[in-house]
Structure formats: structure tokens, C-alpha cells
């Protein structure tokens, strides 16, 4: 394999942060550890780069001028399931949960160790392409929706809703054992989620908003108190 071919196989990361020092630190350390890194100073530059290039993951600062990292991620999630790791100076659990609720896959508090940034990105990328969740059919019905796991789409007639990579992992994990209660801890292990800080609960809440007619009274994705979660589907 030529050097160019080897370079083409490296994960391509976009770092979005208005702090030049952090952009330089993160990009330099990523490139020293097996990544290709691009940088953007704000959401405007990031959208321009996303139009031109394909990235394997994004590192997004929450506190940016103009469009914030949370708003950027929320808009991105309407059309794109690319993994997002949020950088945040906010230490409260409620702030981190807000990041997960808007569609982020993980978060890292500032100041951070560059090595931890690398490890978290590798973990995100490792679980994304190599997930081994098996479902008999790539298409199944959940409530009124028909789910296609190849395209990560929920469809009901002309209505189409995209799910994120994290939501897809969770949905397929539950569907692989449909009708069976799966604990939070086991779901976290299967999906590669952080089992703490209510991460599983947040992902379940997000998924319910997409698949349930009334997320507050779920019929498909049910909570079994003290035991975990259960998904009801129909094979097609």
C-alpha cells in the first residue's frame, strides 16, 4: 500500500472551536496519533467544510460565537448521523445531558488531556463500524414505523425520519432481543455507551420521541421498573 493509500485510510476528524490554541493542540495531537485533522473556528466555517469534505467524526466546542455547539449539533442531526464529541467547559451533569439530548455521541470537559480526546474518538469510531448487533432482518416494524437499519431510516408512507448512529445502535440492540427485558448496564455494554450519568435513559428518551406517538406513554419502547427496557417490534 502506498503512503497516499495509507493516509486515505486514516480517520478524518473536524475540530470546531473558536479558541485557536485548542484547535492547534487538538489537531496536532490527533495527527500525531493516526488521524487526519481539519479545523474550523466557528459553525459557519464548519458548514462550509462539511459541504466539501467527508469526516469520520466531529469535535465540537459548545461555547462558540454565533451558532453554539449545541445548536450546531441539533441542526446537523436533522440530516447527518456523523459522530459528534462535544467539548464543554460546563461541568454540571444537566449540561452534559443537554449535549446528549441534542444528538452528541460523547462529551469531554475542558481543560482536557489530549490523550483522552484521542481515546474517546477511537472508542466512538470503534463501536460505529464494528458493531456486532445482529437482527434477523434489516427491516422491521416498530409501532407505525418501518425501520431500515441499512439506511438508518424510520418510514411511514411519505414520512421519513433519520436516526443517529447512537439511536441506531440502541434500536438494533433492543430489536435483536425483541420482547425481552435488557438492563441498562447490558445495553450500555452492547452499544458502547457510558453507563453512568443517565446516558442510556437520555438515548431512550431521544429514540422514543421518534418512534412513539406519545413518548410520555410509550407502547413500543417500554421501561420495566427496576429491570431495564423492552422493545416490541414486528418482523417484515
Protein backbone atom coordinates (compact mmCIF):
# COMPACT_ATOMS: atom_id res chain seq x y z
CA UNK A 1 0.00 0.00 0.00
CA UNK A 2 1.35 3.40 -0.97
CA UNK A 3 1.74 6.24 1.58
CA UNK A 4 -1.20 8.04 -0.05
CA UNK A 5 -3.41 4.95 0.25
CA UNK A 6 -2.41 4.53 3.89
CA UNK A 7 -3.24 8.17 4.57
CA UNK A 8 -6.63 7.79 2.87
CA UNK A 9 -7.49 5.05 5.37
CA UNK A 10 -6.87 7.30 8.39
CA UNK A 11 -9.95 8.65 10.23
CA UNK A 12 -10.72 12.23 9.18
CA UNK A 13 -11.69 14.49 12.10
CA UNK A 14 -13.03 18.06 12.05
CA UNK A 15 -12.24 20.14 15.15
CA UNK A 16 -14.58 23.13 15.61
CA UNK A 17 -13.51 25.59 18.31
CA UNK A 18 -13.15 29.37 18.45
CA UNK A 19 -10.02 29.06 20.62
CA UNK A 20 -7.03 28.90 18.27
CA UNK A 21 -4.82 27.36 20.94
CA UNK A 22 -7.22 24.45 21.41
CA UNK A 23 -7.61 23.99 17.64
CA UNK A 24 -3.84 23.76 17.22
CA UNK A 25 -3.35 21.49 20.22
CA UNK A 26 -6.13 19.11 19.25
CA UNK A 27 -5.25 18.93 15.56
CA UNK A 28 -1.54 18.43 16.22
CA UNK A 29 -2.12 15.66 18.74
CA UNK A 30 -4.69 13.93 16.53
CA UNK A 31 -2.31 13.94 13.55
CA UNK A 32 0.46 12.54 15.76
CA UNK A 33 -1.84 9.69 16.74
CA UNK A 34 -3.18 8.31 13.50
CA UNK A 35 -5.83 10.84 12.42
CA UNK A 36 -6.19 13.44 9.69
CA UNK A 37 -7.40 16.67 11.29
CA UNK A 38 -9.07 19.76 9.85
CA UNK A 39 -10.10 22.78 11.90
CA UNK A 40 -12.85 25.40 11.86
CA UNK A 41 -13.14 28.50 14.05
CA UNK A 42 -16.94 28.53 14.13
CA UNK A 43 -20.07 26.86 12.81
CA UNK A 44 -20.04 28.88 9.58
CA UNK A 45 -16.61 27.53 8.60
CA UNK A 46 -17.66 24.05 9.71
CA UNK A 47 -20.74 24.00 7.45
CA UNK A 48 -18.57 25.07 4.50
CA UNK A 49 -16.11 22.23 5.16
CA UNK A 50 -18.92 19.69 5.55
CA UNK A 51 -20.14 20.66 2.08
CA UNK A 52 -16.72 19.91 0.60
CA UNK A 53 -15.32 17.00 2.62
CA UNK A 54 -16.39 13.81 4.35
CA UNK A 55 -15.44 13.36 8.00
CA UNK A 56 -15.50 10.33 10.27
CA UNK A 57 -16.21 12.37 13.42
CA UNK A 58 -16.54 15.94 14.66
CA UNK A 59 -15.10 17.55 17.80
CA UNK A 60 -17.37 20.50 18.60
CA UNK A 61 -16.96 23.20 21.25
CA UNK A 62 -20.25 24.09 22.96
CA UNK A 63 -19.45 27.74 23.74
CA UNK A 64 -18.89 29.25 20.29
CA UNK A 65 -19.88 32.70 18.99
CA UNK A 66 -22.80 32.70 16.60
CA UNK A 67 -24.29 29.23 16.39
CA UNK A 68 -23.44 27.33 19.57
CA UNK A 69 -22.13 23.78 19.59
CA UNK A 70 -25.49 22.52 20.87
CA UNK A 71 -27.43 24.30 18.13
CA UNK A 72 -24.92 23.16 15.51
CA UNK A 73 -25.29 19.53 16.61
CA UNK A 74 -29.08 19.79 16.75
CA UNK A 75 -29.25 21.08 13.16
CA UNK A 76 -26.66 18.55 11.97
CA UNK A 77 -28.71 15.69 13.38
CA UNK A 78 -31.63 16.53 11.11
CA UNK A 79 -29.73 15.17 8.11
CA UNK A 80 -26.46 13.60 9.29
CA UNK A 81 -25.54 10.88 11.79
CA UNK A 82 -21.78 11.57 11.84
CA UNK A 83 -20.41 11.03 15.39
CA UNK A 84 -20.06 14.20 17.47
CA UNK A 85 -17.87 14.65 20.55
CA UNK A 86 -18.68 17.87 22.40
CA UNK A 87 -16.06 19.92 24.21
CA UNK A 88 -17.54 21.74 27.16
CA UNK A 89 -16.34 23.98 29.95
CA UNK A 90 -19.64 23.31 31.69
CA UNK A 91 -19.25 20.73 34.41
CA UNK A 92 -22.81 20.19 35.56
CA UNK A 93 -24.46 16.86 34.72
CA UNK A 94 -27.51 18.69 33.35
CA UNK A 95 -25.31 20.49 30.81
CA UNK A 96 -23.72 17.24 29.66
CA UNK A 97 -27.12 15.60 29.38
CA UNK A 98 -28.30 18.54 27.24
CA UNK A 99 -25.45 17.72 24.86
CA UNK A 100 -26.51 14.10 24.60
CA UNK A 101 -30.13 15.11 24.12
CA UNK A 102 -29.28 17.30 21.14
CA UNK A 103 -27.59 14.35 19.41
CA UNK A 104 -23.97 14.22 20.59
CA UNK A 105 -22.33 10.81 20.99
CA UNK A 106 -19.95 11.79 23.79
CA UNK A 107 -18.56 14.80 25.65
CA UNK A 108 -15.25 15.88 27.13
CA UNK A 109 -14.87 18.62 29.73
CA UNK A 110 -12.29 21.39 29.37
CA UNK A 111 -9.48 21.51 30.21
CA UNK A 112 -8.82 18.07 28.76
CA UNK A 113 -5.86 15.80 28.25
CA UNK A 114 -5.15 15.39 24.52
CA UNK A 115 -4.62 11.67 25.10
CA UNK A 116 -8.17 11.36 26.44
CA UNK A 117 -9.52 13.12 23.35
CA UNK A 118 -7.75 10.53 21.18
CA UNK A 119 -9.03 7.63 23.27
CA UNK A 120 -12.61 8.86 23.23
CA UNK A 121 -12.57 9.37 19.45
CA UNK A 122 -11.11 5.91 18.93
CA UNK A 123 -13.86 4.46 21.13
CA UNK A 124 -16.56 6.27 19.15
CA UNK A 125 -15.15 5.13 15.81
CA UNK A 126 -14.52 1.59 17.04
CA UNK A 127 -18.10 1.00 18.04
CA UNK A 128 -19.57 2.70 14.99
CA UNK A 129 -18.38 0.49 12.10
CA UNK A 130 -17.74 -2.70 14.02
CA UNK A 131 -20.94 -3.07 15.96
CA UNK A 132 -21.96 -6.73 16.08
CA UNK A 133 -25.63 -6.31 16.91
CA UNK A 134 -27.47 -8.85 14.80
CA UNK A 135 -31.11 -8.56 13.75
CA UNK A 136 -32.70 -11.30 11.65
CA UNK A 137 -33.96 -8.79 9.10
CA UNK A 138 -32.52 -5.39 8.37
CA UNK A 139 -36.10 -4.12 8.16
CA UNK A 140 -38.71 -4.40 10.91
CA UNK A 141 -41.77 -2.53 12.16
CA UNK A 142 -41.78 -0.60 15.39
CA UNK A 143 -45.15 0.98 16.06
CA UNK A 144 -46.35 2.70 12.89
CA UNK A 145 -42.81 2.94 11.55
CA UNK A 146 -40.93 0.58 9.27
CA UNK A 147 -37.24 0.71 10.20
CA UNK A 148 -34.46 0.07 7.70
CA UNK A 149 -31.18 -0.46 9.56
CA UNK A 150 -29.13 -0.15 6.37
CA UNK A 151 -30.28 3.42 5.71
CA UNK A 152 -30.98 4.25 9.39
CA UNK A 153 -34.44 5.49 8.49
CA UNK A 154 -37.89 5.24 10.02
CA UNK A 155 -40.58 5.37 7.34
CA UNK A 156 -44.36 5.64 7.46
CA UNK A 157 -45.69 6.32 3.98
CA UNK A 158 -44.19 9.61 2.86
CA UNK A 159 -42.90 10.40 6.35
CA UNK A 160 -39.21 9.62 6.80
CA UNK A 161 -37.18 10.19 9.97
CA UNK A 162 -33.44 9.65 10.24
CA UNK A 163 -31.89 8.22 13.39
CA UNK A 164 -28.39 8.88 14.68
CA UNK A 165 -25.67 6.24 14.96
CA UNK A 166 -26.24 6.01 18.72
CA UNK A 167 -30.01 5.65 18.25
CA UNK A 168 -29.45 3.00 15.58
CA UNK A 169 -27.18 1.03 17.92
CA UNK A 170 -29.77 1.19 20.69
CA UNK A 171 -32.69 0.33 18.43
CA UNK A 172 -30.94 -2.68 16.90
CA UNK A 173 -29.69 -3.88 20.29
CA UNK A 174 -33.24 -3.88 21.62
CA UNK A 175 -34.66 -5.35 18.40
CA UNK A 176 -32.15 -8.20 18.47
CA UNK A 177 -33.89 -9.37 21.65
CA UNK A 178 -37.37 -8.03 20.98
CA UNK A 179 -39.87 -8.74 23.76
CA UNK A 180 -37.06 -9.34 26.25
CA UNK A 181 -36.09 -7.02 29.07
CA UNK A 182 -32.50 -5.76 28.77
CA UNK A 183 -30.84 -3.96 31.67
CA UNK A 184 -29.29 -0.53 31.36
CA UNK A 185 -25.85 -1.97 32.11
CA UNK A 186 -26.12 -4.60 29.37
CA UNK A 187 -27.42 -2.09 26.85
CA UNK A 188 -24.51 0.21 27.65
CA UNK A 189 -22.07 -2.65 27.09
CA UNK A 190 -23.68 -3.79 23.82
CA UNK A 191 -23.91 -0.27 22.39
CA UNK A 192 -20.60 1.04 23.72
CA UNK A 193 -22.28 3.77 25.76
CA UNK A 194 -21.14 5.30 29.01
CA UNK A 195 -23.41 3.52 31.53
CA UNK A 196 -23.31 6.41 34.00
CA UNK A 197 -24.80 9.89 34.08
CA UNK A 198 -28.19 8.64 32.83
CA UNK A 199 -26.71 8.15 29.33
CA UNK A 200 -28.93 5.17 28.46
CA UNK A 201 -32.03 6.97 29.75
CA UNK A 202 -31.22 10.01 27.62
CA UNK A 203 -30.75 7.90 24.48
CA UNK A 204 -34.02 6.05 25.18
CA UNK A 205 -35.85 9.37 25.59
CA UNK A 206 -34.49 10.62 22.26
CA UNK A 207 -35.46 7.40 20.50
CA UNK A 208 -38.97 7.47 21.97
CA UNK A 209 -39.52 10.93 20.53
CA UNK A 210 -39.03 9.42 17.09
CA UNK A 211 -40.83 6.08 17.32
CA UNK A 212 -43.68 6.69 19.78
CA UNK A 213 -46.93 8.52 19.01
CA UNK A 214 -46.91 9.69 22.64
CA UNK A 215 -43.39 9.48 24.15
CA UNK A 216 -44.82 10.04 27.63
CA UNK A 217 -46.96 6.90 27.28
CA UNK A 218 -44.71 4.55 25.28
CA UNK A 219 -46.22 1.45 23.72
CA UNK A 220 -43.20 0.13 21.81
CA UNK A 221 -40.16 1.00 23.92
CA UNK A 222 -41.22 0.33 27.49
CA UNK A 223 -39.49 0.83 30.82
CA UNK A 224 -39.64 -2.20 33.12
CA UNK A 225 -39.14 -0.66 36.52
CA UNK A 226 -36.02 -1.88 38.28
CA UNK A 227 -35.05 -4.16 35.38
CA UNK A 228 -34.42 -2.20 32.18
CA UNK A 229 -36.05 -1.68 28.79
CA UNK A 230 -38.13 -3.79 26.42
CA UNK A 231 -38.89 -3.19 22.73
CA UNK A 232 -41.88 -4.57 20.85
CA UNK A 233 -41.46 -4.97 17.08
CA UNK A 234 -42.97 -6.83 14.14
CA UNK A 235 -40.79 -8.73 11.68
CA UNK A 236 -41.42 -7.95 8.00
